[in-house]
Amino acid sequence: MAPSQREGLFPWIRRKLEKKARRLAGRGRRLLGLSHTAPLGEPDVFELLRDRSVALVGNAQSLTGTDRGAVIDAHDLVIRCNAAPIPDVRSHGAKTDIIATSIGFDAGVMDARRARYLFWMSPQRDDLPGWMLRWPGFFLFPEESHRVLLAAIGRRPTTGLMVIALLSRSPCRKVSLHGFDFFRSQSLSGVLRKATPHDPAAEERFVSDLVRADPRFSLN
């Protein structure tokens, strides 16, 4: 079913026009030599993470139906990816401290999840909604870090993998990964493996190597 059939034609058109307007504004900024800035830099993020236990919740549908919610919520910080879907508190938990995203979404998601921090992970800055740039706890994932990760896996990294790479460099105490099955099940975002621009096998190798090398990390 097309987006216009699911939700009505005009809201869908409005969002498409808003996205195009954001891209035009972003290109204008680049032409004028203006760069996007964020209140938080990587040192600030690392201080936030220092000595904390972190649960990173991915969007694999295989997490649904489990009973990991309480375990997830017991961590000092909970990070969720993109629009932070929570289909069931029993499986996914309710706590959200940070939303890490590579796509724009409505500011109401932050309020609904009671999230304090927002990490923009994509090197594509033109799609950034204005409200995100004004968010007090906003962080931009460094473009150089994205290039290093891209070279390591050979394809565009997922939001989840970029967060994992960031956490691996941080002084956090523990990282528990939930909802990562590398596209064996469909994503809650509705992206099928055959349609993805990512390389699930390369990402699984990256994470498996990290879990073996860094005792702070566990894949659940």
N, C-alpha and C. Protein backbone atom coordinates (compact mmCIF):
# COMPACT_ATOMS: atom_id res chain seq x y z
N MET A 1 0.84 -1.19 0.00
CA MET A 1 0.00 0.00 0.00
C MET A 1 0.88 1.24 0.00
N ALA A 2 0.60 2.20 -0.86
CA ALA A 2 1.39 3.42 -0.96
C ALA A 2 1.19 4.28 0.26
N PRO A 3 2.20 5.15 0.60
CA PRO A 3 2.06 6.01 1.77
C PRO A 3 0.80 6.86 1.72
N SER A 4 0.44 7.34 0.51
CA SER A 4 -0.75 8.19 0.40
C SER A 4 -2.02 7.44 0.73
N GLN A 5 -2.05 6.12 0.46
CA GLN A 5 -3.22 5.31 0.77
C GLN A 5 -3.32 5.03 2.26
N ARG A 6 -2.16 4.86 2.92
CA ARG A 6 -2.16 4.52 4.33
C ARG A 6 -2.58 5.70 5.20
N GLU A 7 -2.13 6.89 4.90
CA GLU A 7 -2.29 7.99 5.84
C GLU A 7 -2.95 9.22 5.25
N GLY A 8 -3.38 9.14 4.01
CA GLY A 8 -3.96 10.32 3.39
C GLY A 8 -2.92 11.03 2.55
N LEU A 9 -3.33 11.57 1.45
CA LEU A 9 -2.40 12.15 0.48
C LEU A 9 -1.67 13.38 1.02
N PHE A 10 -2.40 14.30 1.65
CA PHE A 10 -1.81 15.59 1.98
C PHE A 10 -0.72 15.52 3.05
N PRO A 11 -0.88 14.75 4.15
CA PRO A 11 0.24 14.65 5.11
C PRO A 11 1.50 14.11 4.48
N TRP A 12 1.36 13.13 3.59
CA TRP A 12 2.52 12.54 2.94
C TRP A 12 3.20 13.56 2.03
N ILE A 13 2.41 14.30 1.26
CA ILE A 13 2.98 15.34 0.39
C ILE A 13 3.66 16.42 1.22
N ARG A 14 3.04 16.79 2.35
CA ARG A 14 3.63 17.82 3.20
C ARG A 14 5.00 17.39 3.70
N ARG A 15 5.12 16.14 4.14
CA ARG A 15 6.41 15.67 4.64
C ARG A 15 7.45 15.63 3.53
N LYS A 16 7.04 15.23 2.33
CA LYS A 16 7.98 15.22 1.21
C LYS A 16 8.46 16.62 0.90
N LEU A 17 7.54 17.59 0.92
CA LEU A 17 7.93 18.98 0.65
C LEU A 17 8.83 19.53 1.75
N GLU A 18 8.52 19.17 3.00
CA GLU A 18 9.37 19.62 4.11
C GLU A 18 10.77 19.05 4.00
N LYS A 19 10.87 17.80 3.57
CA LYS A 19 12.19 17.18 3.41
C LYS A 19 12.97 17.87 2.30
N LYS A 20 12.29 18.17 1.19
CA LYS A 20 12.97 18.88 0.10
C LYS A 20 13.42 20.27 0.54
N ALA A 21 12.58 20.93 1.34
CA ALA A 21 12.94 22.26 1.83
C ALA A 21 14.17 22.19 2.74
N ARG A 22 14.24 21.15 3.58
CA ARG A 22 15.41 20.99 4.46
C ARG A 22 16.67 20.75 3.64
N ARG A 23 16.55 19.95 2.60
CA ARG A 23 17.71 19.68 1.77
C ARG A 23 18.19 20.94 1.04
N LEU A 24 17.24 21.72 0.54
CA LEU A 24 17.61 22.97 -0.13
C LEU A 24 18.29 23.92 0.85
N ALA A 25 17.76 23.98 2.07
CA ALA A 25 18.37 24.84 3.08
C ALA A 25 19.77 24.36 3.42
N GLY A 26 19.94 23.05 3.53
CA GLY A 26 21.25 22.49 3.83
C GLY A 26 22.25 22.75 2.72
N ARG A 27 21.81 22.61 1.47
CA ARG A 27 22.71 22.90 0.36
C ARG A 27 23.08 24.37 0.32
N GLY A 28 22.12 25.22 0.68
CA GLY A 28 22.40 26.65 0.76
C GLY A 28 23.46 26.95 1.80
N ARG A 29 23.38 26.27 2.93
CA ARG A 29 24.38 26.46 3.99
C ARG A 29 25.77 26.07 3.49
N ARG A 30 25.83 24.95 2.76
CA ARG A 30 27.13 24.51 2.26
C ARG A 30 27.69 25.48 1.24
N LEU A 31 26.83 26.00 0.37
CA LEU A 31 27.28 26.97 -0.63
C LEU A 31 27.81 28.24 0.02
N LEU A 32 27.25 28.59 1.16
CA LEU A 32 27.69 29.79 1.89
C LEU A 32 28.87 29.50 2.82
N GLY A 33 29.30 28.23 2.82
CA GLY A 33 30.43 27.87 3.67
C GLY A 33 30.07 27.72 5.13
N LEU A 34 28.79 27.54 5.42
CA LEU A 34 28.35 27.40 6.81
C LEU A 34 28.28 25.91 7.17
N SER A 35 28.73 25.56 8.35
CA SER A 35 28.69 24.17 8.79
C SER A 35 27.67 24.01 9.91
N HIS A 36 27.13 22.81 10.01
CA HIS A 36 26.21 22.53 11.11
C HIS A 36 27.02 22.35 12.39
N THR A 37 26.50 22.87 13.46
CA THR A 37 27.15 22.74 14.76
C THR A 37 26.19 22.08 15.74
N ALA A 38 26.74 21.53 16.81
CA ALA A 38 25.93 20.85 17.82
C ALA A 38 26.39 21.26 19.21
N PRO A 39 25.47 21.33 20.16
CA PRO A 39 25.85 21.68 21.54
C PRO A 39 26.84 20.71 22.16
N LEU A 40 26.75 19.42 21.77
CA LEU A 40 27.62 18.40 22.34
C LEU A 40 28.67 17.96 21.33
N GLY A 41 29.92 17.86 21.79
CA GLY A 41 30.97 17.27 21.00
C GLY A 41 31.28 15.88 21.51
N GLU A 42 32.20 15.18 20.85
CA GLU A 42 32.53 13.83 21.28
C GLU A 42 33.05 13.78 22.72
N PRO A 43 33.87 14.74 23.17
CA PRO A 43 34.29 14.70 24.58
C PRO A 43 33.11 14.78 25.55
N ASP A 44 32.09 15.57 25.20
CA ASP A 44 30.91 15.66 26.07
C ASP A 44 30.17 14.32 26.13
N VAL A 45 30.05 13.68 24.97
CA VAL A 45 29.38 12.37 24.91
C VAL A 45 30.15 11.34 25.72
N PHE A 46 31.48 11.38 25.62
CA PHE A 46 32.29 10.41 26.36
C PHE A 46 32.17 10.62 27.87
N GLU A 47 32.03 11.87 28.30
CA GLU A 47 31.82 12.12 29.72
C GLU A 47 30.45 11.62 30.17
N LEU A 48 29.46 11.76 29.29
CA LEU A 48 28.13 11.24 29.59
C LEU A 48 28.18 9.72 29.77
N LEU A 49 29.00 9.06 28.96
CA LEU A 49 29.07 7.60 28.97
C LEU A 49 30.05 7.04 30.00
N ARG A 50 30.89 7.87 30.54
CA ARG A 50 31.97 7.39 31.41
C ARG A 50 31.45 6.52 32.56
N ASP A 51 31.99 5.29 32.65
CA ASP A 51 31.69 4.35 33.73
C ASP A 51 30.21 3.96 33.80
N ARG A 52 29.46 4.19 32.73
CA ARG A 52 28.04 3.83 32.71
C ARG A 52 27.83 2.49 32.02
N SER A 53 26.79 1.78 32.43
CA SER A 53 26.33 0.61 31.68
C SER A 53 25.32 1.10 30.64
N VAL A 54 25.44 0.58 29.42
CA VAL A 54 24.63 1.06 28.30
C VAL A 54 23.93 -0.11 27.63
N ALA A 55 22.63 0.04 27.40
CA ALA A 55 21.89 -0.90 26.56
C ALA A 55 21.60 -0.20 25.24
N LEU A 56 22.05 -0.79 24.15
CA LEU A 56 21.74 -0.28 22.81
C LEU A 56 20.69 -1.19 22.20
N VAL A 57 19.54 -0.62 21.87
CA VAL A 57 18.40 -1.39 21.38
C VAL A 57 18.24 -1.16 19.88
N GLY A 58 18.45 -2.22 19.10
CA GLY A 58 18.26 -2.16 17.66
C GLY A 58 16.82 -2.44 17.28
N ASN A 59 16.56 -2.49 15.98
CA ASN A 59 15.18 -2.59 15.49
C ASN A 59 14.82 -3.95 14.91
N ALA A 60 15.60 -4.98 15.19
CA ALA A 60 15.26 -6.30 14.67
C ALA A 60 13.95 -6.80 15.26
N GLN A 61 13.07 -7.31 14.42
CA GLN A 61 11.78 -7.81 14.90
C GLN A 61 11.93 -9.02 15.80
N SER A 62 13.07 -9.69 15.74
CA SER A 62 13.28 -10.88 16.57
C SER A 62 13.30 -10.54 18.05
N LEU A 63 13.50 -9.28 18.41
CA LEU A 63 13.45 -8.90 19.82
C LEU A 63 12.02 -8.97 20.36
N THR A 64 11.06 -8.75 19.48
CA THR A 64 9.65 -8.80 19.88
C THR A 64 9.30 -10.21 20.35
N GLY A 65 8.58 -10.29 21.44
CA GLY A 65 8.20 -11.59 21.97
C GLY A 65 9.14 -12.11 23.04
N THR A 66 10.26 -11.42 23.25
CA THR A 66 11.18 -11.81 24.32
C THR A 66 10.76 -11.14 25.63
N ASP A 67 11.52 -11.39 26.68
CA ASP A 67 11.23 -10.76 27.97
C ASP A 67 12.43 -9.95 28.46
N ARG A 68 13.08 -9.25 27.56
CA ARG A 68 14.31 -8.52 27.89
C ARG A 68 14.07 -7.11 28.39
N GLY A 69 12.84 -6.66 28.41
CA GLY A 69 12.56 -5.28 28.75
C GLY A 69 13.13 -4.84 30.08
N ALA A 70 12.95 -5.65 31.11
CA ALA A 70 13.44 -5.28 32.45
C ALA A 70 14.96 -5.21 32.47
N VAL A 71 15.61 -6.12 31.75
CA VAL A 71 17.08 -6.12 31.68
C VAL A 71 17.56 -4.85 30.98
N ILE A 72 16.90 -4.48 29.89
CA ILE A 72 17.26 -3.26 29.16
C ILE A 72 17.12 -2.03 30.07
N ASP A 73 16.00 -1.92 30.74
CA ASP A 73 15.73 -0.74 31.57
C ASP A 73 16.64 -0.65 32.78
N ALA A 74 17.28 -1.76 33.17
CA ALA A 74 18.15 -1.75 34.35
C ALA A 74 19.50 -1.08 34.08
N HIS A 75 19.82 -0.79 32.84
CA HIS A 75 21.08 -0.14 32.51
C HIS A 75 21.05 1.34 32.89
N ASP A 76 22.24 1.90 33.08
CA ASP A 76 22.33 3.32 33.41
C ASP A 76 21.77 4.18 32.28
N LEU A 77 22.09 3.81 31.04
CA LEU A 77 21.64 4.55 29.87
C LEU A 77 21.08 3.58 28.84
N VAL A 78 19.98 3.97 28.21
CA VAL A 78 19.39 3.18 27.13
C VAL A 78 19.38 4.03 25.86
N ILE A 79 19.95 3.47 24.80
CA ILE A 79 20.00 4.14 23.50
C ILE A 79 19.11 3.37 22.54
N ARG A 80 18.25 4.08 21.83
CA ARG A 80 17.39 3.45 20.81
C ARG A 80 17.67 4.09 19.46
N CYS A 81 17.42 3.32 18.39
CA CYS A 81 17.79 3.74 17.04
C CYS A 81 16.61 4.30 16.26
N ASN A 82 16.88 5.38 15.56
CA ASN A 82 15.93 6.03 14.66
C ASN A 82 14.66 6.47 15.40
N ALA A 83 13.48 6.09 14.96
CA ALA A 83 12.27 6.59 15.62
C ALA A 83 11.94 5.83 16.90
N ALA A 84 12.88 5.01 17.36
CA ALA A 84 12.78 4.33 18.65
C ALA A 84 11.48 3.57 18.85
N PRO A 85 11.13 2.65 17.96
CA PRO A 85 9.88 1.90 18.14
C PRO A 85 9.92 1.02 19.38
N ILE A 86 8.85 1.05 20.15
CA ILE A 86 8.71 0.19 21.33
C ILE A 86 7.38 -0.55 21.19
N PRO A 87 7.37 -1.70 20.49
CA PRO A 87 6.11 -2.40 20.28
C PRO A 87 5.56 -3.03 21.56
N ASP A 88 6.45 -3.35 22.51
CA ASP A 88 6.02 -4.00 23.75
C ASP A 88 7.06 -3.72 24.82
N VAL A 89 6.63 -3.15 25.93
CA VAL A 89 7.56 -2.83 27.02
C VAL A 89 8.20 -4.11 27.57
N ARG A 90 7.46 -5.21 27.58
CA ARG A 90 8.00 -6.47 28.11
C ARG A 90 9.25 -6.91 27.35
N SER A 91 9.25 -6.71 26.04
CA SER A 91 10.39 -7.14 25.23
C SER A 91 11.43 -6.04 25.03
N HIS A 92 10.98 -4.79 24.94
CA HIS A 92 11.87 -3.70 24.57
C HIS A 92 12.20 -2.73 25.70
N GLY A 93 11.50 -2.84 26.83
CA GLY A 93 11.69 -1.87 27.90
C GLY A 93 10.99 -0.57 27.58
N ALA A 94 11.04 0.36 28.52
CA ALA A 94 10.38 1.65 28.34
C ALA A 94 11.35 2.82 28.41
N LYS A 95 12.49 2.59 29.02
CA LYS A 95 13.44 3.68 29.26
C LYS A 95 14.13 4.09 27.96
N THR A 96 14.26 5.39 27.74
CA THR A 96 15.00 5.91 26.59
C THR A 96 15.73 7.17 27.04
N ASP A 97 17.05 7.10 27.06
CA ASP A 97 17.85 8.27 27.39
C ASP A 97 18.36 8.98 26.14
N ILE A 98 18.69 8.19 25.13
CA ILE A 98 19.29 8.72 23.91
C ILE A 98 18.60 8.10 22.70
N ILE A 99 18.28 8.91 21.72
CA ILE A 99 17.85 8.40 20.42
C ILE A 99 18.95 8.72 19.42
N ALA A 100 19.47 7.70 18.76
CA ALA A 100 20.47 7.86 17.71
C ALA A 100 19.78 7.62 16.38
N THR A 101 19.92 8.54 15.44
CA THR A 101 19.15 8.46 14.21
C THR A 101 19.95 8.90 13.00
N SER A 102 19.55 8.40 11.85
CA SER A 102 20.06 8.86 10.57
C SER A 102 18.93 9.38 9.70
N ILE A 103 17.74 9.48 10.29
CA ILE A 103 16.57 9.97 9.56
C ILE A 103 15.87 11.03 10.40
N GLY A 104 15.22 11.96 9.73
CA GLY A 104 14.45 12.96 10.44
C GLY A 104 13.16 12.40 10.98
N PHE A 105 12.72 12.91 12.10
CA PHE A 105 11.42 12.52 12.64
C PHE A 105 10.87 13.69 13.43
N ASP A 106 9.63 13.57 13.87
CA ASP A 106 8.97 14.66 14.58
C ASP A 106 9.51 14.79 16.01
N ALA A 107 9.58 16.02 16.49
CA ALA A 107 10.09 16.26 17.84
C ALA A 107 9.24 15.58 18.90
N GLY A 108 7.99 15.27 18.58
CA GLY A 108 7.12 14.60 19.53
C GLY A 108 7.64 13.25 19.97
N VAL A 109 8.48 12.61 19.13
CA VAL A 109 9.05 11.32 19.51
C VAL A 109 9.94 11.48 20.74
N MET A 110 10.71 12.56 20.77
CA MET A 110 11.58 12.81 21.93
C MET A 110 10.74 12.99 23.20
N ASP A 111 9.67 13.73 23.08
CA ASP A 111 8.80 13.95 24.24
C ASP A 111 8.12 12.65 24.67
N ALA A 112 7.63 11.89 23.70
CA ALA A 112 6.94 10.65 24.02
C ALA A 112 7.86 9.65 24.70
N ARG A 113 9.12 9.62 24.29
CA ARG A 113 10.09 8.68 24.88
C ARG A 113 10.80 9.27 26.10
N ARG A 114 10.58 10.56 26.34
CA ARG A 114 11.27 11.28 27.43
C ARG A 114 12.77 11.17 27.29
N ALA A 115 13.24 11.26 26.07
CA ALA A 115 14.67 11.18 25.78
C ALA A 115 15.31 12.56 25.95
N ARG A 116 16.49 12.57 26.54
CA ARG A 116 17.20 13.84 26.78
C ARG A 116 18.21 14.15 25.69
N TYR A 117 18.76 13.11 25.07
CA TYR A 117 19.85 13.32 24.12
C TYR A 117 19.48 12.78 22.74
N LEU A 118 20.01 13.45 21.72
CA LEU A 118 19.72 13.09 20.33
C LEU A 118 21.03 13.08 19.56
N PHE A 119 21.37 11.93 18.99
CA PHE A 119 22.59 11.78 18.22
C PHE A 119 22.24 11.64 16.74
N TRP A 120 22.76 12.53 15.90
CA TRP A 120 22.59 12.40 14.45
C TRP A 120 23.81 11.67 13.92
N MET A 121 23.61 10.47 13.35
CA MET A 121 24.71 9.60 12.98
C MET A 121 25.11 9.70 11.52
N SER A 122 24.23 10.15 10.66
CA SER A 122 24.50 10.17 9.22
C SER A 122 25.43 11.32 8.84
N PRO A 123 26.33 11.10 7.84
CA PRO A 123 27.15 12.20 7.35
C PRO A 123 26.33 13.17 6.50
N GLN A 124 25.13 12.76 6.11
CA GLN A 124 24.24 13.62 5.34
C GLN A 124 23.59 14.63 6.28
N ARG A 125 23.98 15.87 6.17
CA ARG A 125 23.48 16.91 7.07
C ARG A 125 22.30 17.67 6.48
N ASP A 126 22.08 17.55 5.18
CA ASP A 126 21.04 18.37 4.54
C ASP A 126 19.64 18.01 5.00
N ASP A 127 19.45 16.79 5.51
CA ASP A 127 18.12 16.35 5.93
C ASP A 127 17.80 16.72 7.38
N LEU A 128 18.71 17.41 8.04
CA LEU A 128 18.51 17.72 9.46
C LEU A 128 17.35 18.68 9.67
N PRO A 129 16.31 18.28 10.41
CA PRO A 129 15.24 19.22 10.78
C PRO A 129 15.79 20.30 11.72
N GLY A 130 15.27 21.49 11.61
CA GLY A 130 15.76 22.60 12.42
C GLY A 130 15.65 22.36 13.91
N TRP A 131 14.58 21.67 14.34
CA TRP A 131 14.39 21.45 15.77
C TRP A 131 15.51 20.59 16.36
N MET A 132 16.06 19.68 15.53
CA MET A 132 17.15 18.84 16.03
C MET A 132 18.38 19.69 16.32
N LEU A 133 18.70 20.63 15.44
CA LEU A 133 19.86 21.48 15.64
C LEU A 133 19.73 22.33 16.89
N ARG A 134 18.50 22.58 17.29
CA ARG A 134 18.27 23.41 18.48
C ARG A 134 18.12 22.58 19.75
N TRP A 135 18.12 21.25 19.63
CA TRP A 135 17.93 20.40 20.81
C TRP A 135 19.14 20.53 21.74
N PRO A 136 18.94 20.80 23.04
CA PRO A 136 20.07 21.04 23.94
C PRO A 136 21.06 19.89 24.03
N GLY A 137 20.57 18.65 23.91
CA GLY A 137 21.44 17.49 24.01
C GLY A 137 21.75 16.88 22.66
N PHE A 138 22.02 17.73 21.66
CA PHE A 138 22.23 17.26 20.29
C PHE A 138 23.71 17.02 20.01
N PHE A 139 23.99 15.91 19.31
CA PHE A 139 25.37 15.53 18.96
C PHE A 139 25.42 15.09 17.51
N LEU A 140 26.47 15.51 16.80
CA LEU A 140 26.70 15.10 15.42
C LEU A 140 27.84 14.08 15.38
N PHE A 141 27.56 12.88 14.90
CA PHE A 141 28.59 11.87 14.73
C PHE A 141 29.62 12.39 13.73
N PRO A 142 30.90 12.39 14.08
CA PRO A 142 31.91 12.98 13.19
C PRO A 142 31.96 12.30 11.82
N GLU A 143 32.08 13.11 10.78
CA GLU A 143 32.13 12.57 9.42
C GLU A 143 33.36 11.68 9.24
N GLU A 144 34.47 12.03 9.87
CA GLU A 144 35.68 11.22 9.74
C GLU A 144 35.46 9.83 10.34
N SER A 145 34.73 9.76 11.45
CA SER A 145 34.42 8.46 12.06
C SER A 145 33.57 7.61 11.11
N HIS A 146 32.67 8.27 10.39
CA HIS A 146 31.86 7.55 9.41
C HIS A 146 32.72 7.02 8.28
N ARG A 147 33.68 7.81 7.81
CA ARG A 147 34.56 7.37 6.73
C ARG A 147 35.40 6.17 7.15
N VAL A 148 35.90 6.19 8.38
CA VAL A 148 36.70 5.07 8.89
C VAL A 148 35.86 3.80 8.93
N LEU A 149 34.64 3.90 9.40
CA LEU A 149 33.76 2.73 9.50
C LEU A 149 33.36 2.24 8.11
N LEU A 150 33.10 3.16 7.20
CA LEU A 150 32.77 2.80 5.82
C LEU A 150 33.91 2.02 5.18
N ALA A 151 35.14 2.45 5.42
CA ALA A 151 36.29 1.74 4.87
C ALA A 151 36.44 0.36 5.48
N ALA A 152 36.06 0.23 6.74
CA ALA A 152 36.22 -1.05 7.45
C ALA A 152 35.25 -2.11 6.96
N ILE A 153 34.01 -1.70 6.61
CA ILE A 153 33.01 -2.71 6.23
C ILE A 153 32.65 -2.66 4.75
N GLY A 154 33.02 -1.61 4.04
CA GLY A 154 32.83 -1.57 2.60
C GLY A 154 31.48 -1.11 2.10
N ARG A 155 30.54 -0.93 2.98
CA ARG A 155 29.20 -0.46 2.61
C ARG A 155 28.74 0.55 3.63
N ARG A 156 27.65 1.24 3.33
CA ARG A 156 27.15 2.25 4.25
C ARG A 156 26.76 1.61 5.58
N PRO A 157 27.33 2.07 6.69
CA PRO A 157 27.01 1.45 7.98
C PRO A 157 25.62 1.83 8.46
N THR A 158 24.99 0.91 9.18
CA THR A 158 23.69 1.20 9.78
C THR A 158 23.88 2.17 10.95
N THR A 159 22.77 2.77 11.35
CA THR A 159 22.79 3.63 12.53
C THR A 159 23.32 2.86 13.73
N GLY A 160 22.83 1.63 13.90
CA GLY A 160 23.25 0.82 15.04
C GLY A 160 24.75 0.58 15.06
N LEU A 161 25.33 0.27 13.90
CA LEU A 161 26.76 0.00 13.85
C LEU A 161 27.57 1.25 14.17
N MET A 162 27.10 2.40 13.71
CA MET A 162 27.80 3.65 14.02
C MET A 162 27.79 3.91 15.52
N VAL A 163 26.67 3.63 16.17
CA VAL A 163 26.60 3.81 17.62
C VAL A 163 27.54 2.83 18.31
N ILE A 164 27.57 1.60 17.84
CA ILE A 164 28.47 0.60 18.42
C ILE A 164 29.92 1.06 18.31
N ALA A 165 30.30 1.59 17.15
CA ALA A 165 31.66 2.09 16.96
C ALA A 165 31.96 3.24 17.92
N LEU A 166 30.98 4.12 18.08
CA LEU A 166 31.15 5.24 19.02
C LEU A 166 31.34 4.73 20.45
N LEU A 167 30.50 3.78 20.85
CA LEU A 167 30.59 3.22 22.20
C LEU A 167 31.92 2.50 22.42
N SER A 168 32.43 1.88 21.38
CA SER A 168 33.69 1.13 21.53
C SER A 168 34.86 2.06 21.85
N ARG A 169 34.77 3.32 21.44
CA ARG A 169 35.83 4.30 21.72
C ARG A 169 35.60 5.04 23.04
N SER A 170 34.45 4.84 23.61
CA SER A 170 34.07 5.60 24.81
C SER A 170 34.57 4.91 26.08
N PRO A 171 34.57 5.63 27.22
CA PRO A 171 34.95 5.02 28.49
C PRO A 171 33.78 4.42 29.25
N CYS A 172 32.76 3.93 28.53
CA CYS A 172 31.63 3.31 29.22
C CYS A 172 32.08 1.99 29.87
N ARG A 173 31.33 1.55 30.85
CA ARG A 173 31.70 0.37 31.63
C ARG A 173 31.23 -0.93 30.99
N LYS A 174 30.06 -0.89 30.36
CA LYS A 174 29.44 -2.10 29.84
C LYS A 174 28.48 -1.72 28.72
N VAL A 175 28.43 -2.56 27.66
CA VAL A 175 27.50 -2.32 26.55
C VAL A 175 26.78 -3.62 26.25
N SER A 176 25.46 -3.59 26.35
CA SER A 176 24.63 -4.74 26.07
C SER A 176 23.81 -4.45 24.81
N LEU A 177 23.97 -5.29 23.79
CA LEU A 177 23.30 -5.09 22.51
C LEU A 177 22.05 -5.96 22.41
N HIS A 178 20.93 -5.34 22.10
CA HIS A 178 19.65 -6.06 21.99
C HIS A 178 18.99 -5.67 20.67
N GLY A 179 18.31 -6.62 20.04
CA GLY A 179 17.61 -6.30 18.80
C GLY A 179 18.53 -6.17 17.60
N PHE A 180 19.62 -6.92 17.62
CA PHE A 180 20.55 -6.96 16.48
C PHE A 180 20.66 -8.40 15.99
N ASP A 181 20.05 -8.69 14.85
CA ASP A 181 20.23 -10.02 14.24
C ASP A 181 20.71 -9.90 12.80
N PHE A 182 21.14 -8.68 12.43
CA PHE A 182 21.77 -8.43 11.14
C PHE A 182 20.87 -8.83 9.97
N PHE A 183 19.63 -8.37 10.08
CA PHE A 183 18.61 -8.48 9.04
C PHE A 183 18.13 -9.91 8.81
N ARG A 184 18.36 -10.80 9.77
CA ARG A 184 17.77 -12.14 9.62
C ARG A 184 16.24 -12.05 9.76
N SER A 185 15.79 -11.18 10.63
CA SER A 185 14.36 -10.88 10.69
C SER A 185 14.16 -9.48 10.13
N GLN A 186 12.96 -9.19 9.73
CA GLN A 186 12.70 -7.86 9.18
C GLN A 186 12.86 -6.80 10.27
N SER A 187 13.34 -5.64 9.87
CA SER A 187 13.48 -4.54 10.81
C SER A 187 12.11 -3.96 11.14
N LEU A 188 11.99 -3.40 12.33
CA LEU A 188 10.75 -2.71 12.70
C LEU A 188 10.51 -1.50 11.83
N SER A 189 11.57 -1.03 11.14
CA SER A 189 11.40 0.07 10.19
C SER A 189 10.80 -0.40 8.89
N GLY A 190 10.70 -1.74 8.71
CA GLY A 190 10.10 -2.29 7.49
C GLY A 190 11.09 -2.50 6.37
N VAL A 191 12.39 -2.35 6.65
CA VAL A 191 13.41 -2.52 5.61
C VAL A 191 13.78 -3.98 5.50
N LEU A 192 13.64 -4.55 4.32
CA LEU A 192 14.00 -5.93 4.07
C LEU A 192 15.47 -6.03 3.70
N ARG A 193 16.06 -7.16 4.02
CA ARG A 193 17.48 -7.34 3.75
C ARG A 193 17.80 -7.12 2.27
N LYS A 194 16.97 -7.63 1.37
CA LYS A 194 17.28 -7.53 -0.05
C LYS A 194 17.22 -6.09 -0.55
N ALA A 195 16.60 -5.21 0.22
CA ALA A 195 16.48 -3.83 -0.21
C ALA A 195 17.47 -2.91 0.50
N THR A 196 18.23 -3.44 1.43
CA THR A 196 19.06 -2.58 2.26
C THR A 196 20.34 -2.16 1.54
N PRO A 197 20.81 -0.93 1.77
CA PRO A 197 22.11 -0.50 1.21
C PRO A 197 23.28 -0.94 2.07
N HIS A 198 22.99 -1.66 3.16
CA HIS A 198 24.02 -2.07 4.11
C HIS A 198 24.53 -3.48 3.78
N ASP A 199 25.56 -3.90 4.48
CA ASP A 199 26.11 -5.25 4.33
C ASP A 199 25.97 -5.97 5.67
N PRO A 200 24.87 -6.70 5.86
CA PRO A 200 24.63 -7.36 7.15
C PRO A 200 25.74 -8.31 7.56
N ALA A 201 26.30 -9.06 6.61
CA ALA A 201 27.35 -10.02 6.94
C ALA A 201 28.60 -9.30 7.44
N ALA A 202 28.96 -8.20 6.78
CA ALA A 202 30.14 -7.45 7.21
C ALA A 202 29.92 -6.83 8.59
N GLU A 203 28.70 -6.36 8.84
CA GLU A 203 28.41 -5.76 10.14
C GLU A 203 28.42 -6.83 11.24
N GLU A 204 27.93 -8.02 10.92
CA GLU A 204 27.96 -9.10 11.91
C GLU A 204 29.40 -9.49 12.25
N ARG A 205 30.26 -9.54 11.24
CA ARG A 205 31.67 -9.84 11.51
C ARG A 205 32.31 -8.76 12.38
N PHE A 206 31.99 -7.50 12.07
CA PHE A 206 32.54 -6.38 12.84
C PHE A 206 32.13 -6.51 14.31
N VAL A 207 30.85 -6.75 14.55
CA VAL A 207 30.34 -6.84 15.92
C VAL A 207 30.88 -8.08 16.62
N SER A 208 30.92 -9.21 15.91
CA SER A 208 31.45 -10.44 16.52
C SER A 208 32.90 -10.28 16.93
N ASP A 209 33.69 -9.63 16.07
CA ASP A 209 35.10 -9.39 16.40
C ASP A 209 35.21 -8.47 17.62
N LEU A 210 34.35 -7.45 17.68
CA LEU A 210 34.37 -6.52 18.80
C LEU A 210 34.00 -7.22 20.10
N VAL A 211 32.97 -8.06 20.07
CA VAL A 211 32.53 -8.77 21.28
C VAL A 211 33.64 -9.69 21.79
N ARG A 212 34.36 -10.33 20.85
CA ARG A 212 35.48 -11.21 21.27
C ARG A 212 36.64 -10.41 21.85
N ALA A 213 36.88 -9.22 21.29
CA ALA A 213 38.06 -8.44 21.69
C ALA A 213 37.81 -7.55 22.89
N ASP A 214 36.58 -7.12 23.10
CA ASP A 214 36.27 -6.16 24.16
C ASP A 214 35.26 -6.78 25.13
N PRO A 215 35.71 -7.14 26.32
CA PRO A 215 34.81 -7.82 27.27
C PRO A 215 33.66 -6.96 27.77
N ARG A 216 33.67 -5.67 27.48
CA ARG A 216 32.56 -4.81 27.90
C ARG A 216 31.30 -5.09 27.07
N PHE A 217 31.46 -5.66 25.86
CA PHE A 217 30.37 -5.82 24.93
C PHE A 217 29.76 -7.22 25.00
N SER A 218 28.43 -7.28 24.92
CA SER A 218 27.72 -8.55 24.81
C SER A 218 26.60 -8.40 23.80
N LEU A 219 26.38 -9.45 23.01
CA LEU A 219 25.32 -9.48 22.01
C LEU A 219 24.23 -10.42 22.52
N ASN A 220 23.06 -9.85 22.79
CA ASN A 220 21.99 -10.61 23.44
C ASN A 220 20.86 -10.92 22.47
